Amino acid sequence: MTTAPSASPDLATVPDAELLRLDHQVCFSLHAASRAFGGYYRRALKDLGLTYSQYLVMLVLWERGPQAVKAIGERLHLDSGTLSPLLKRLESAGLVRRERSREDERSVVIELTDEGAGLRERALFVPRGVLAATGLSLEEVLGLQEVLGRLTGALGEAVDADR
């Protein structure tokens, strides 16, 4: 039984001069897209008084309710050195409160204040605006998210294998 030829070129057949072209690097395409998204989100979130990182924390809390700091960090792939100052700013803004866990005094739980919970309704325009700004259909965006999830998982496994 023979296998069907691959629709994509085998990297062994790509000339060396082409391999190192900037526009052929997936990492550069992701970098450029990330910068474009960052610019869009900076503008869109300004009226909410949130940075992009703060918005991500709020999304976790709106979706899951009160969360341990560790759980938020794991969900967002952020270390405590990055997450702690971000949470302090959200607390200073009156959007979240931090409390010691009753079950484990070593753990700090983050929960929304009434103001933080109320911000959810005002934030609904953000994902709709992003979808419209991309010019992609919902199906294309969902497909892109699926591919990016596979890419992230594969690269994470490759990094873990090298440790």
Foldseek 3Di string as FASTA:
>chain_A
DDDDDDPDDDPVPDDPVVVPDLVVDPVNVVVVVVVVVQVLQVVLCVVVVDHPVLVLLLVCCLVPFKDWLVVSCVVVVHDCVVSVVSVVVCVVVQFWDWDQDPVHNVIIIIGGDPVNNVCVVVCPVPVVVVCVVVVDDPVVVVVVVVVVVVVVVVVVVVVVVVD
